[in-house]
Amino acid sequence: MLSHQTAGSPRRGRAVGDVLAPVLIFVAAFVVRLLPVLRGGGLRYYGRYDDGVYYTAAEALGFGHLPYRDFVMLHPPGSTLLLLPFTLLGRLTSDPVGMTVARLSFMALGGVSAVLVYTIARGWGRGRGVFAGLIYAASAAAAYSEQATFLEPIGSVLTLAAVLVLCRRADRRATRLEIVCGALLGLSCTVKIWYAGIAAALVLVLLLRREPRAAARVTAAAVVTTAVVVLPFLIAAPGRMWTMVVADQFDRTGARAPLVGRISSIVGTKAVLAGRSPALVHAVAVVLVLLVIVAVVACLPDREAWLPVGLLVSATAILLASPAYFRHYGVLLTAPIALVVPIGLGRLGAQIPRPMVRRGLVTLAAVAVAASGLRVAASRTGDAFPGGRFAAAAPAGCIAADDPAALIQMDRLSADFRAGCAVPVDVTGASYGAPAPRAENGAFHAWLMGHLLQ
């Protein structure tokens, strides 16, 4: 009996670990995203412009206004459809409640992405899976993006789910899973056109691995899924949708960032080492980039690791080529880095002959990841917004604002739509596509003043 229990205990320990690890990773990711908001402006914080735009777009659709045809929307309609339930909740309760629940849900979505990263990397060993999940959970770029209703958290979770499906294919179910993978990638393309480049990179990896049939099935499923979601809106406003979603994106040059600034934001040194000298911030960023490059090279002999590498290469190309860069864009690279680094460096570490050296390097890496997560969790984000006082002081009737987030926190957004008021969903977006920069665009200034002073 004793020997039976002893033999069974490792199996039970592994089973408990397989359940406990993803739970702890999810909790860690959620807490790292939630605490800076609670320490800063609170769950009803103000200051992330796009956050309010996407919620308002869903509210507008709920009142029968179509994106592109009736209002400015600079991205495909996927996020608008996803946020609809939250705006319906807001009508039943209040606009701030709907937005708050949406923000909390996106923080949870970040936790799901961290668990997906763990599960994918778990195929190379539990230790690498845990490291990968915790790197994602502690990432400053991912935490910032997943505190709000941005597009990237949706695209990230869909892309990671697609990669997990590809990694878990079995011969008798391969066809079905490849179709599921393509459908997930197609849905990611309905959120932001960047994800079309990532989907294409994954298909290219399948071709490089000499899996043409799999590549064809994934591509076909992705195209069909994208078409099902996008075509109704494209038919309603073909020219305007193309202009807003595709053409205007190349005009977004107002937020250019130097290459070194983008890199330090993406790898998190800009946030984690905030207050330190720029030279130190950039130097640590360069060291981290070199480690990532080494990890990529180490992954190349492993055909299964080509999928994470493909994600990394495509996301890097997209972020460096983008005419504009904002802080929340960095999450696009977080998952690929979190996957490639433990897989690649783990392969190299396994070749170190001295166990003490290996354990020391693992301990050092664990301390660095934990310190980063604690630093991100201890930060503050967002500004408190006195929505209640503003609402009490505001007159009856339509309220005009240049940021719809103000209407949300005043609980006037759904009321304005219900009353038939003019509510520009994306005031800033209305300036794109003009020959003159926004600061010199007289027509835009006249339109905006007319709206605010109506």
Protein backbone atom coordinates (compact mmCIF):
# COMPACT_ATOMS: atom_id res chain seq x y z
CA MET A 1 0.00 0.00 0.00
CA LEU A 2 2.79 2.38 0.90
CA SER A 3 4.60 1.78 -2.38
CA HIS A 4 1.37 2.32 -4.32
CA GLN A 5 0.80 5.70 -2.65
CA THR A 6 4.40 6.70 -3.24
CA ALA A 7 4.20 5.83 -6.90
CA GLY A 8 0.94 7.68 -7.33
CA SER A 9 1.97 10.86 -5.55
CA PRO A 10 4.13 12.25 -8.41
CA ARG A 11 1.22 11.77 -10.79
CA ARG A 12 -1.14 13.52 -8.39
CA GLY A 13 1.43 16.28 -7.93
CA ARG A 14 1.67 16.79 -11.67
CA ALA A 15 -2.13 16.85 -11.96
CA VAL A 16 -2.41 19.47 -9.21
CA GLY A 17 0.34 21.50 -10.87
CA ASP A 18 -1.38 21.35 -14.23
CA VAL A 19 -4.51 22.86 -12.65
CA LEU A 20 -2.84 25.27 -10.25
CA ALA A 21 -0.31 26.81 -12.65
CA PRO A 22 -2.82 28.30 -15.13
CA VAL A 23 -5.05 29.52 -12.29
CA LEU A 24 -2.15 31.35 -10.62
CA ILE A 25 -1.01 32.79 -13.95
CA PHE A 26 -4.52 34.09 -14.68
CA VAL A 27 -4.79 35.66 -11.21
CA ALA A 28 -1.34 37.23 -11.50
CA ALA A 29 -2.16 38.73 -14.89
CA PHE A 30 -5.52 40.08 -13.71
CA VAL A 31 -4.03 41.64 -10.55
CA VAL A 32 -1.15 43.26 -12.48
CA ARG A 33 -3.75 44.90 -14.75
CA LEU A 34 -6.23 45.86 -12.02
CA LEU A 35 -4.00 47.33 -9.29
CA PRO A 36 -2.55 50.24 -11.31
CA VAL A 37 -6.09 51.29 -12.21
CA LEU A 38 -7.29 51.13 -8.59
CA ARG A 39 -4.19 53.04 -7.46
CA GLY A 40 -4.68 55.63 -10.21
CA GLY A 41 -7.96 57.00 -11.50
CA GLY A 42 -10.13 54.07 -10.41
CA LEU A 43 -12.30 51.83 -12.56
CA ARG A 44 -14.04 54.89 -13.99
CA TYR A 45 -10.76 56.51 -14.97
CA TYR A 46 -10.38 58.92 -17.88
CA GLY A 47 -7.61 59.47 -20.38
CA ARG A 48 -7.58 56.59 -22.91
CA TYR A 49 -9.33 58.20 -25.88
CA ASP A 50 -9.73 55.04 -28.01
CA ASP A 51 -11.29 53.27 -25.03
CA GLY A 52 -14.33 55.54 -25.20
CA VAL A 53 -14.47 55.54 -29.00
CA TYR A 54 -14.86 51.77 -29.32
CA TYR A 55 -17.51 51.62 -26.58
CA THR A 56 -19.41 54.50 -28.20
CA ALA A 57 -19.23 52.82 -31.61
CA ALA A 58 -20.99 49.79 -30.12
CA GLU A 59 -23.58 52.06 -28.48
CA ALA A 60 -24.20 53.78 -31.82
CA LEU A 61 -24.67 50.43 -33.56
CA GLY A 62 -27.12 49.40 -30.86
CA PHE A 63 -29.21 52.47 -31.73
CA GLY A 64 -29.21 51.56 -35.43
CA HIS A 65 -26.30 53.67 -36.69
CA LEU A 66 -23.95 51.75 -38.98
CA PRO A 67 -20.20 52.31 -38.78
CA TYR A 68 -18.62 53.85 -41.90
CA ARG A 69 -22.02 54.77 -43.33
CA ASP A 70 -23.24 56.84 -40.38
CA PHE A 71 -20.15 57.56 -38.30
CA VAL A 72 -16.36 57.43 -38.39
CA MET A 73 -14.79 54.10 -37.41
CA LEU A 74 -11.16 53.60 -38.39
CA HIS A 75 -11.10 49.83 -37.88
CA PRO A 76 -13.05 46.74 -38.95
CA PRO A 77 -16.33 46.13 -37.07
CA GLY A 78 -15.25 43.20 -34.87
CA SER A 79 -14.72 45.21 -31.69
CA THR A 80 -17.98 47.08 -32.22
CA LEU A 81 -19.90 43.81 -32.30
CA LEU A 82 -18.00 42.40 -29.31
CA LEU A 83 -18.75 45.45 -27.13
CA LEU A 84 -22.49 45.47 -27.91
CA PRO A 85 -23.45 43.37 -24.83
CA PHE A 86 -21.64 45.80 -22.53
CA THR A 87 -23.48 48.80 -23.98
CA LEU A 88 -26.78 46.95 -23.55
CA LEU A 89 -25.82 46.37 -19.91
CA GLY A 90 -25.07 50.08 -19.69
CA ARG A 91 -28.57 50.94 -20.85
CA LEU A 92 -30.09 48.63 -18.25
CA THR A 93 -27.92 50.07 -15.47
CA SER A 94 -25.81 53.11 -16.37
CA ASP A 95 -23.15 54.00 -18.92
CA PRO A 96 -20.33 53.96 -16.32
CA VAL A 97 -21.36 50.48 -15.16
CA GLY A 98 -21.32 49.17 -18.74
CA MET A 99 -17.87 50.62 -19.34
CA THR A 100 -16.52 49.38 -15.99
CA VAL A 101 -17.69 45.82 -16.64
CA ALA A 102 -16.17 46.01 -20.13
CA ARG A 103 -12.81 47.13 -18.72
CA LEU A 104 -12.82 44.38 -16.10
CA SER A 105 -13.68 41.86 -18.82
CA PHE A 106 -10.73 43.02 -20.92
CA MET A 107 -8.44 42.62 -17.89
CA ALA A 108 -9.77 39.06 -17.61
CA LEU A 109 -9.13 38.67 -21.34
CA GLY A 110 -5.50 39.52 -20.58
CA GLY A 111 -5.50 36.72 -18.00
CA VAL A 112 -6.85 34.33 -20.62
CA SER A 113 -4.07 35.35 -23.02
CA ALA A 114 -1.48 34.68 -20.31
CA VAL A 115 -2.95 31.21 -19.77
CA LEU A 116 -2.93 30.55 -23.53
CA VAL A 117 0.74 31.53 -23.65
CA TYR A 118 1.42 29.12 -20.78
CA THR A 119 -0.52 26.33 -22.49
CA ILE A 120 1.29 26.77 -25.81
CA ALA A 121 4.75 26.85 -24.20
CA ARG A 122 3.76 23.93 -21.94
CA GLY A 123 4.33 21.74 -24.99
CA TRP A 124 8.08 22.34 -24.47
CA GLY A 125 7.91 21.57 -20.74
CA ARG A 126 5.99 22.81 -17.71
CA GLY A 127 8.81 25.06 -16.53
CA ARG A 128 8.98 26.87 -19.85
CA GLY A 129 5.21 27.14 -19.89
CA VAL A 130 5.13 28.77 -16.45
CA PHE A 131 7.89 31.20 -17.40
CA ALA A 132 6.11 32.10 -20.63
CA GLY A 133 2.79 32.71 -18.88
CA LEU A 134 4.39 34.83 -16.17
CA ILE A 135 6.37 36.90 -18.69
CA TYR A 136 3.08 37.76 -20.38
CA ALA A 137 1.33 38.39 -17.07
CA ALA A 138 4.09 40.77 -15.91
CA SER A 139 4.47 42.62 -19.21
CA ALA A 140 4.06 46.39 -18.95
CA ALA A 141 2.92 46.63 -22.58
CA ALA A 142 0.27 43.93 -22.20
CA ALA A 143 -0.94 45.28 -18.86
CA TYR A 144 -1.41 48.79 -20.23
CA SER A 145 -3.31 47.59 -23.29
CA GLU A 146 -5.54 45.17 -21.40
CA GLN A 147 -6.71 47.73 -18.85
CA ALA A 148 -9.00 49.26 -21.46
CA THR A 149 -11.33 48.26 -24.28
CA PHE A 150 -8.61 48.47 -26.90
CA LEU A 151 -8.48 46.35 -30.06
CA GLU A 152 -5.23 44.55 -29.36
CA PRO A 153 -6.43 42.41 -26.41
CA ILE A 154 -9.11 40.92 -28.66
CA GLY A 155 -6.69 40.24 -31.49
CA SER A 156 -4.11 38.76 -29.10
CA VAL A 157 -6.44 36.21 -27.53
CA LEU A 158 -7.81 35.13 -30.92
CA THR A 159 -4.31 34.75 -32.40
CA LEU A 160 -3.04 32.79 -29.40
CA ALA A 161 -6.07 30.50 -29.51
CA ALA A 162 -5.35 29.86 -33.20
CA VAL A 163 -1.70 29.01 -32.48
CA LEU A 164 -2.74 26.68 -29.65
CA VAL A 165 -5.13 24.86 -31.99
CA LEU A 166 -2.35 24.40 -34.55
CA CYS A 167 0.03 23.13 -31.88
CA ARG A 168 -2.53 20.62 -30.59
CA ARG A 169 -3.48 19.02 -33.90
CA ALA A 170 -3.96 15.26 -33.99
CA ASP A 171 -3.96 13.32 -37.25
CA ARG A 172 -7.59 12.25 -37.06
CA ARG A 173 -8.79 15.75 -36.20
CA ALA A 174 -6.30 17.85 -38.12
CA THR A 175 -8.73 19.07 -40.78
CA ARG A 176 -11.32 20.22 -38.27
CA LEU A 177 -8.76 21.96 -36.08
CA GLU A 178 -7.17 23.73 -39.04
CA ILE A 179 -10.60 25.12 -39.96
CA VAL A 180 -11.07 26.28 -36.37
CA CYS A 181 -7.63 27.92 -36.50
CA GLY A 182 -8.53 29.73 -39.72
CA ALA A 183 -11.84 30.91 -38.26
CA LEU A 184 -10.03 32.36 -35.23
CA LEU A 185 -7.51 34.13 -37.44
CA GLY A 186 -10.37 35.43 -39.60
CA LEU A 187 -12.07 36.87 -36.52
CA SER A 188 -8.82 38.60 -35.53
CA CYS A 189 -8.77 40.26 -38.97
CA THR A 190 -12.23 41.72 -38.27
CA VAL A 191 -10.75 43.61 -35.30
CA LYS A 192 -7.74 45.32 -36.87
CA ILE A 193 -6.17 44.98 -40.31
CA TRP A 194 -2.76 44.38 -38.73
CA TYR A 195 -3.86 40.86 -37.88
CA ALA A 196 -4.14 40.02 -41.57
CA GLY A 197 -0.35 40.28 -41.68
CA ILE A 198 0.00 37.99 -38.67
CA ALA A 199 -2.42 35.46 -40.16
CA ALA A 200 -0.45 35.52 -43.42
CA ALA A 201 2.77 34.87 -41.49
CA LEU A 202 1.30 31.80 -39.81
CA VAL A 203 0.12 30.47 -43.17
CA LEU A 204 3.63 31.06 -44.53
CA VAL A 205 5.06 29.03 -41.65
CA LEU A 206 2.79 26.13 -42.60
CA LEU A 207 4.04 26.38 -46.18
CA LEU A 208 7.67 26.45 -45.03
CA ARG A 209 6.92 23.32 -42.99
CA ARG A 210 5.63 21.72 -46.20
CA GLU A 211 2.02 21.58 -45.07
CA PRO A 212 0.26 23.09 -48.12
CA ARG A 213 -3.11 21.45 -47.43
CA ALA A 214 -3.16 22.78 -43.89
CA ALA A 215 -2.21 26.23 -45.18
CA ALA A 216 -5.04 26.11 -47.73
CA ARG A 217 -7.63 25.08 -45.14
CA VAL A 218 -6.51 27.76 -42.67
CA THR A 219 -6.55 30.43 -45.39
CA ALA A 220 -9.98 29.43 -46.70
CA ALA A 221 -11.54 29.40 -43.23
CA ALA A 222 -9.97 32.77 -42.41
CA VAL A 223 -11.24 34.39 -45.61
CA VAL A 224 -14.78 33.02 -45.19
CA THR A 225 -14.98 34.08 -41.53
CA THR A 226 -13.70 37.57 -42.27
CA ALA A 227 -16.16 37.94 -45.12
CA VAL A 228 -19.14 36.86 -43.02
CA VAL A 229 -18.43 39.58 -40.45
CA VAL A 230 -17.22 42.37 -42.71
CA LEU A 231 -19.32 42.08 -45.89
CA PRO A 232 -22.61 43.46 -44.46
CA PHE A 233 -20.85 46.67 -43.45
CA LEU A 234 -18.82 46.82 -46.67
CA ILE A 235 -21.98 46.50 -48.76
CA ALA A 236 -23.66 49.31 -46.79
CA ALA A 237 -20.75 51.74 -47.31
CA PRO A 238 -18.05 50.26 -49.57
CA GLY A 239 -16.11 53.42 -50.39
CA ARG A 240 -16.22 54.94 -46.91
CA MET A 241 -15.28 51.68 -45.21
CA TRP A 242 -12.26 51.17 -47.47
CA THR A 243 -11.14 54.76 -46.91
CA MET A 244 -11.45 54.60 -43.12
CA VAL A 245 -10.17 51.10 -42.46
CA VAL A 246 -7.37 50.96 -45.04
CA ALA A 247 -6.46 54.28 -46.71
CA ASP A 248 -6.67 56.51 -43.62
CA GLN A 249 -4.38 54.20 -41.64
CA PHE A 250 -1.42 55.32 -43.75
CA ASP A 251 -2.22 58.93 -42.87
CA ARG A 252 -1.79 58.36 -39.13
CA THR A 253 1.56 60.08 -38.79
CA GLY A 254 0.77 62.28 -35.81
CA ALA A 255 2.20 59.87 -33.23
CA ARG A 256 5.55 58.92 -34.69
CA ALA A 257 8.07 57.55 -32.22
CA PRO A 258 11.80 57.01 -32.74
CA LEU A 259 12.88 53.39 -33.14
CA VAL A 260 14.67 53.21 -29.80
CA GLY A 261 11.59 54.65 -28.08
CA ARG A 262 9.33 52.04 -29.65
CA ILE A 263 11.66 49.23 -28.62
CA SER A 264 11.96 50.37 -24.99
CA SER A 265 8.16 50.67 -24.83
CA ILE A 266 7.59 47.22 -26.36
CA VAL A 267 10.02 45.35 -24.07
CA GLY A 268 8.80 47.33 -21.05
CA THR A 269 11.98 49.07 -19.91
CA LYS A 270 10.40 52.48 -20.45
CA ALA A 271 7.70 51.66 -17.88
CA VAL A 272 9.59 49.40 -15.49
CA LEU A 273 12.61 51.74 -15.33
CA ALA A 274 10.57 54.95 -15.33
CA GLY A 275 12.51 57.75 -13.68
CA ARG A 276 15.89 56.26 -14.55
CA SER A 277 18.25 57.78 -17.08
CA PRO A 278 17.25 57.31 -20.74
CA ALA A 279 20.66 55.77 -21.39
CA LEU A 280 19.97 53.00 -18.85
CA VAL A 281 16.45 52.46 -20.18
CA HIS A 282 17.70 52.07 -23.74
CA ALA A 283 20.73 49.97 -22.75
CA VAL A 284 18.60 47.42 -20.92
CA ALA A 285 16.20 47.37 -23.86
CA VAL A 286 19.07 46.58 -26.23
CA VAL A 287 20.24 43.72 -23.97
CA LEU A 288 16.71 42.28 -23.93
CA VAL A 289 16.45 42.56 -27.71
CA LEU A 290 19.74 40.69 -28.08
CA LEU A 291 18.42 37.93 -25.80
CA VAL A 292 15.29 37.67 -27.95
CA ILE A 293 17.43 37.39 -31.09
CA VAL A 294 19.51 34.63 -29.50
CA ALA A 295 16.30 32.84 -28.50
CA VAL A 296 14.97 33.08 -32.07
CA VAL A 297 18.15 31.54 -33.47
CA ALA A 298 17.94 28.74 -30.88
CA CYS A 299 14.34 28.04 -31.90
CA LEU A 300 15.07 27.61 -35.61
CA PRO A 301 16.13 23.93 -35.48
CA ASP A 302 12.76 23.10 -33.86
CA ARG A 303 10.05 23.07 -36.54
CA GLU A 304 7.30 23.28 -33.89
CA ALA A 305 8.80 26.53 -32.62
CA TRP A 306 8.48 28.13 -36.05
CA LEU A 307 4.92 29.24 -35.24
CA PRO A 308 5.96 31.48 -32.31
CA VAL A 309 8.91 32.70 -34.36
CA GLY A 310 6.55 33.55 -37.23
CA LEU A 311 4.39 35.52 -34.80
CA LEU A 312 7.44 37.40 -33.55
CA VAL A 313 8.81 38.28 -36.99
CA SER A 314 5.45 39.45 -38.37
CA ALA A 315 4.55 41.50 -35.28
CA THR A 316 7.99 43.13 -35.27
CA ALA A 317 7.67 44.09 -38.94
CA ILE A 318 4.20 45.55 -38.36
CA LEU A 319 5.19 47.64 -35.34
CA LEU A 320 8.38 48.97 -36.89
CA ALA A 321 6.68 49.80 -40.20
CA SER A 322 3.61 51.45 -38.68
CA PRO A 323 3.51 55.20 -39.44
CA ALA A 324 2.28 55.80 -35.88
CA TYR A 325 3.03 54.20 -32.54
CA PHE A 326 1.06 54.34 -29.30
CA ARG A 327 1.94 52.65 -26.03
CA HIS A 328 -0.79 50.01 -26.22
CA TYR A 329 0.51 48.75 -29.58
CA GLY A 330 3.38 47.00 -27.77
CA VAL A 331 1.15 44.12 -26.69
CA LEU A 332 1.33 42.85 -30.28
CA LEU A 333 4.86 41.60 -29.52
CA THR A 334 4.35 40.54 -25.91
CA ALA A 335 3.01 37.05 -26.59
CA PRO A 336 5.59 36.16 -29.26
CA ILE A 337 8.43 37.30 -26.98
CA ALA A 338 6.92 35.45 -24.01
CA LEU A 339 6.83 32.26 -26.11
CA VAL A 340 10.14 32.49 -27.96
CA VAL A 341 12.36 33.46 -25.00
CA PRO A 342 11.62 30.47 -22.70
CA ILE A 343 11.54 28.01 -25.60
CA GLY A 344 14.77 29.23 -27.23
CA LEU A 345 16.82 30.06 -24.14
CA GLY A 346 15.52 26.87 -22.52
CA ARG A 347 17.03 24.88 -25.38
CA LEU A 348 20.36 26.62 -24.84
CA GLY A 349 20.20 26.27 -21.08
CA ALA A 350 19.67 22.53 -21.32
CA GLN A 351 23.12 22.29 -22.93
CA ILE A 352 24.89 23.87 -19.93
CA PRO A 353 26.69 20.97 -18.20
CA ARG A 354 26.64 22.36 -14.67
CA PRO A 355 23.27 22.10 -12.87
CA MET A 356 24.19 24.87 -10.43
CA VAL A 357 24.74 27.30 -13.29
CA ARG A 358 21.42 26.34 -14.88
CA ARG A 359 19.58 26.79 -11.58
CA GLY A 360 21.28 30.14 -11.03
CA LEU A 361 20.22 31.43 -14.44
CA VAL A 362 16.65 30.23 -13.91
CA THR A 363 16.55 31.94 -10.51
CA LEU A 364 17.89 35.17 -12.00
CA ALA A 365 15.26 35.08 -14.75
CA ALA A 366 12.50 34.37 -12.20
CA VAL A 367 13.58 37.33 -10.06
CA ALA A 368 13.66 39.64 -13.09
CA VAL A 369 10.14 38.61 -14.19
CA ALA A 370 8.77 38.93 -10.64
CA ALA A 371 10.39 42.34 -10.16
CA SER A 372 8.93 43.55 -13.44
CA GLY A 373 5.46 42.36 -12.50
CA LEU A 374 5.64 43.98 -9.06
CA ARG A 375 6.85 47.24 -10.59
CA VAL A 376 3.99 47.28 -13.09
CA ALA A 377 1.42 46.36 -10.43
CA ALA A 378 2.67 49.17 -8.16
CA SER A 379 2.32 51.86 -10.82
CA ARG A 380 -0.63 54.22 -11.26
CA THR A 381 -2.64 54.74 -14.41
CA GLY A 382 -5.56 56.89 -15.50
CA ASP A 383 -7.00 60.12 -14.15
CA ALA A 384 -10.01 60.29 -11.87
CA PHE A 385 -13.01 61.81 -13.63
CA PRO A 386 -15.67 63.68 -11.62
CA GLY A 387 -18.49 62.25 -13.71
CA GLY A 388 -21.08 62.64 -10.96
CA ARG A 389 -20.35 66.33 -10.40
CA PHE A 390 -20.29 67.02 -14.12
CA ALA A 391 -23.58 65.22 -14.59
CA ALA A 392 -25.20 67.20 -11.76
CA ALA A 393 -24.01 70.49 -13.24
CA ALA A 394 -24.94 69.68 -16.83
CA PRO A 395 -28.22 71.04 -18.22
CA ALA A 396 -30.97 68.86 -19.64
CA GLY A 397 -30.90 68.02 -23.33
CA CYS A 398 -28.00 67.17 -25.59
CA ILE A 399 -24.44 67.38 -24.27
CA ALA A 400 -21.53 67.91 -26.68
CA ALA A 401 -18.04 66.57 -26.03
CA ASP A 402 -14.85 66.08 -28.02
CA ASP A 403 -14.24 62.79 -26.18
CA PRO A 404 -17.15 60.35 -25.81
CA ALA A 405 -15.59 58.96 -22.63
CA ALA A 406 -16.82 62.11 -20.87
CA LEU A 407 -20.39 61.31 -21.90
CA ILE A 408 -19.97 57.74 -20.69
CA GLN A 409 -18.73 58.74 -17.23
CA MET A 410 -21.47 61.38 -16.95
CA ASP A 411 -24.05 58.69 -17.81
CA ARG A 412 -25.25 60.78 -20.74
CA LEU A 413 -24.12 58.67 -23.71
CA SER A 414 -27.12 56.38 -24.10
CA ALA A 415 -29.43 59.26 -23.12
CA ASP A 416 -28.01 61.40 -25.93
CA PHE A 417 -28.49 58.61 -28.47
CA ARG A 418 -32.01 57.96 -27.21
CA ALA A 419 -32.85 61.64 -27.61
CA GLY A 420 -31.51 61.71 -31.18
CA CYS A 421 -28.59 63.99 -30.33
CA ALA A 422 -25.58 64.26 -32.64
CA VAL A 423 -22.83 62.15 -31.05
CA PRO A 424 -19.58 62.02 -33.09
CA VAL A 425 -18.10 58.65 -32.24
CA ASP A 426 -14.49 59.53 -33.13
CA VAL A 427 -13.82 63.25 -33.22
CA THR A 428 -10.10 62.80 -33.79
CA GLY A 429 -10.68 60.21 -36.49
CA ALA A 430 -12.79 62.69 -38.43
CA SER A 431 -9.63 64.65 -39.20
CA TYR A 432 -7.86 61.80 -41.01
CA GLY A 433 -7.69 61.74 -44.78
CA ALA A 434 -7.46 65.52 -45.11
CA PRO A 435 -4.55 67.07 -47.07
CA ALA A 436 -3.63 69.36 -44.16
CA PRO A 437 -2.44 68.26 -40.69
CA ARG A 438 -5.06 68.47 -37.95
CA ALA A 439 -3.55 71.62 -36.45
CA GLU A 440 -3.88 73.39 -39.82
CA ASN A 441 -7.16 71.85 -40.95
CA GLY A 442 -9.60 74.76 -41.00
CA ALA A 443 -12.56 72.66 -42.16
CA PHE A 444 -12.07 70.26 -39.27
CA HIS A 445 -11.79 73.13 -36.77
CA ALA A 446 -15.00 74.68 -38.08
CA TRP A 447 -16.85 71.38 -37.86
CA LEU A 448 -15.63 70.70 -34.34
CA MET A 449 -16.48 74.19 -33.06
CA GLY A 450 -19.90 73.94 -34.64
CA HIS A 451 -20.51 70.66 -32.82
CA LEU A 452 -19.25 71.88 -29.43
CA LEU A 453 -21.14 75.15 -29.60
CA GLN A 454 -24.44 73.79 -30.92
